[in-house]
């Protein structure tokens, strides 16, 4: 049979690894599932949505560079550069809900600020280096890292 690349681990993180190739043992398009041997050696059915069939390889997270000092001040935001296994460099912003108060465009004639069109903004209730790394690895495992970052050099 052919092979497929895991593009999204979903809830199967112990059995599937994003970016890894799996031999397709059976395919049931009617039920929307594929049978592969997972990381633990068990053969089982997984949703088709976990796999990419038309890509030679998936670019996965390889490096994380925190660009600004973070001092446990919840009103700050942190810029982060991520490197992917295919050489791409992308960036995103981590912010706490408190930091959002200072971000965005002021609405003329009001004290209201509006923030929109920022898919590269990741909001977490707390931010430190470990949380940034764990969050980015989680986003990558779900196949959403490209959607949550911008190419380096593009400002949002």
Protein backbone atom coordinates (compact mmCIF):
# COMPACT_ATOMS: atom_id res chain seq x y z
CA UNK A 1 0.00 0.00 0.00
CA UNK A 2 0.97 3.66 0.00
CA UNK A 3 2.07 6.01 2.76
CA UNK A 4 0.58 9.08 4.37
CA UNK A 5 2.08 11.77 6.56
CA UNK A 6 0.48 12.64 9.86
CA UNK A 7 -0.55 16.26 9.51
CA UNK A 8 -2.49 16.51 12.77
CA UNK A 9 -2.22 14.37 15.90
CA UNK A 10 -5.64 15.39 17.21
CA UNK A 11 -6.27 13.38 20.41
CA UNK A 12 -3.93 10.59 19.27
CA UNK A 13 -0.63 12.15 20.42
CA UNK A 14 0.59 8.90 21.98
CA UNK A 15 -0.09 6.97 18.78
CA UNK A 16 0.63 9.48 16.00
CA UNK A 17 3.45 11.97 15.47
CA UNK A 18 2.93 14.98 13.24
CA UNK A 19 5.34 14.88 10.30
CA UNK A 20 5.93 11.12 10.50
CA UNK A 21 5.13 8.81 7.57
CA UNK A 22 2.82 5.86 8.17
CA UNK A 23 2.15 2.93 5.88
CA UNK A 24 -1.52 2.76 4.96
CA UNK A 25 -2.74 -0.74 5.77
CA UNK A 26 -6.38 -0.13 4.81
CA UNK A 27 -8.44 2.81 3.66
CA UNK A 28 -12.18 3.23 4.23
CA UNK A 29 -13.22 6.43 2.50
CA UNK A 30 -16.90 5.78 3.19
CA UNK A 31 -16.23 5.92 6.95
CA UNK A 32 -13.50 8.55 6.58
CA UNK A 33 -10.79 6.49 8.22
CA UNK A 34 -7.44 4.91 7.55
CA UNK A 35 -5.78 1.94 9.25
CA UNK A 36 -2.10 2.34 10.16
CA UNK A 37 0.34 0.94 12.69
CA UNK A 38 0.74 3.67 15.31
CA UNK A 39 3.77 4.67 17.38
CA UNK A 40 3.07 1.96 19.95
CA UNK A 41 2.98 -0.77 17.30
CA UNK A 42 -0.79 -1.28 17.36
CA UNK A 43 -2.79 -1.37 14.14
CA UNK A 44 -5.94 0.71 14.38
CA UNK A 45 -8.24 3.05 12.51
CA UNK A 46 -7.72 6.82 12.63
CA UNK A 47 -9.68 9.66 11.03
CA UNK A 48 -8.55 10.64 7.53
CA UNK A 49 -8.30 14.22 8.82
CA UNK A 50 -5.15 13.24 10.74
CA UNK A 51 -3.26 12.50 7.52
CA UNK A 52 -1.95 14.30 4.45
CA UNK A 53 -1.79 12.17 1.34
CA UNK A 54 -0.47 14.61 -1.26
CA UNK A 55 2.54 16.16 0.47
CA UNK A 56 6.09 14.79 0.40
CA UNK A 57 6.84 15.90 3.98
CA UNK A 58 5.35 18.06 6.70
CA UNK A 59 7.36 21.01 8.01
CA UNK A 60 7.45 20.67 11.78
CA UNK A 61 8.58 22.97 14.56
CA UNK A 62 12.33 22.79 15.07
CA UNK A 63 13.35 25.95 16.98
CA UNK A 64 11.79 28.58 19.22
CA UNK A 65 13.46 31.94 19.86
CA UNK A 66 11.91 34.29 22.41
CA UNK A 67 12.77 37.76 21.10
CA UNK A 68 12.03 39.97 24.07
CA UNK A 69 12.70 39.77 27.75
CA UNK A 70 9.67 38.74 29.67
CA UNK A 71 9.49 39.95 33.24
CA UNK A 72 6.34 38.36 34.65
CA UNK A 73 4.51 41.60 33.90
CA UNK A 74 1.09 40.51 32.68
CA UNK A 75 0.68 43.71 30.65
CA UNK A 76 3.59 42.80 28.38
CA UNK A 77 3.62 40.80 25.20
CA UNK A 78 6.42 38.67 23.80
CA UNK A 79 7.52 38.27 20.19
CA UNK A 80 8.67 34.77 19.24
CA UNK A 81 10.42 33.46 16.12
CA UNK A 82 9.86 29.83 15.19
CA UNK A 83 11.96 27.76 12.84
CA UNK A 84 10.51 24.89 10.86
CA UNK A 85 12.22 21.73 9.65
CA UNK A 86 12.02 22.92 6.04
CA UNK A 87 14.01 26.09 6.81
CA UNK A 88 11.08 28.50 7.13
CA UNK A 89 11.31 31.16 9.82
CA UNK A 90 8.05 32.58 11.10
CA UNK A 91 6.94 34.77 13.99
CA UNK A 92 4.08 35.26 16.39
CA UNK A 93 3.16 37.23 19.49
CA UNK A 94 2.26 35.82 22.89
CA UNK A 95 0.15 38.03 25.13
CA UNK A 96 -1.84 37.76 28.31
CA UNK A 97 -5.41 39.05 28.51
CA UNK A 98 -4.05 41.99 30.52
CA UNK A 99 -1.65 42.85 27.68
CA UNK A 100 -4.54 43.05 25.23
CA UNK A 101 -5.75 46.20 27.00
CA UNK A 102 -2.73 48.06 25.64
CA UNK A 103 -2.84 46.56 22.14
CA UNK A 104 -4.94 47.46 19.14
CA UNK A 105 -6.19 50.62 17.52
CA UNK A 106 -8.01 53.31 19.52
CA UNK A 107 -11.51 54.07 18.29
CA UNK A 108 -11.76 57.76 17.51
CA UNK A 109 -13.65 59.66 20.19
CA UNK A 110 -13.59 56.79 22.71
CA UNK A 111 -11.24 55.12 25.17
CA UNK A 112 -11.90 51.78 23.49
CA UNK A 113 -9.12 49.88 21.70
CA UNK A 114 -9.90 47.33 18.99
CA UNK A 115 -7.68 44.42 18.04
CA UNK A 116 -8.51 42.46 14.89
CA UNK A 117 -6.96 40.54 12.03
CA UNK A 118 -4.20 39.03 14.15
CA UNK A 119 -4.12 35.25 13.70
CA UNK A 120 -0.46 35.33 14.78
CA UNK A 121 -1.51 36.50 18.27
CA UNK A 122 -1.55 33.70 20.84
CA UNK A 123 -3.25 34.53 24.13
CA UNK A 124 -2.33 32.67 27.31
CA UNK A 125 -3.35 33.39 30.89
CA UNK A 126 0.32 33.25 31.90
CA UNK A 127 3.53 33.48 29.89
CA UNK A 128 7.00 32.17 30.52
CA UNK A 129 9.57 30.36 28.40
CA UNK A 130 8.21 26.90 29.21
CA UNK A 131 4.61 27.89 28.44
CA UNK A 132 5.70 29.40 25.12
CA UNK A 133 7.53 26.20 24.13
CA UNK A 134 4.74 23.88 25.28
CA UNK A 135 2.08 25.99 23.57
CA UNK A 136 3.93 26.09 20.25
CA UNK A 137 4.54 22.32 20.35
CA UNK A 138 0.84 21.76 21.03
CA UNK A 139 -0.20 24.06 18.17
CA UNK A 140 2.28 22.29 15.88
CA UNK A 141 0.99 18.85 16.90
CA UNK A 142 -2.45 19.94 15.75
CA UNK A 143 -1.13 21.10 12.37
CA UNK A 144 -2.01 24.74 13.06
CA UNK A 145 1.42 26.36 13.39
CA UNK A 146 1.38 27.94 9.92
CA UNK A 147 -2.06 29.41 10.59
CA UNK A 148 -0.90 30.88 13.93
CA UNK A 149 2.32 32.48 12.67
CA UNK A 150 3.41 34.86 9.92
CA UNK A 151 6.45 34.54 7.66
CA UNK A 152 9.39 36.42 9.17
CA UNK A 153 9.53 39.90 7.70
CA UNK A 154 5.74 40.25 7.42
CA UNK A 155 4.27 42.50 10.08
CA UNK A 156 0.72 41.91 11.21
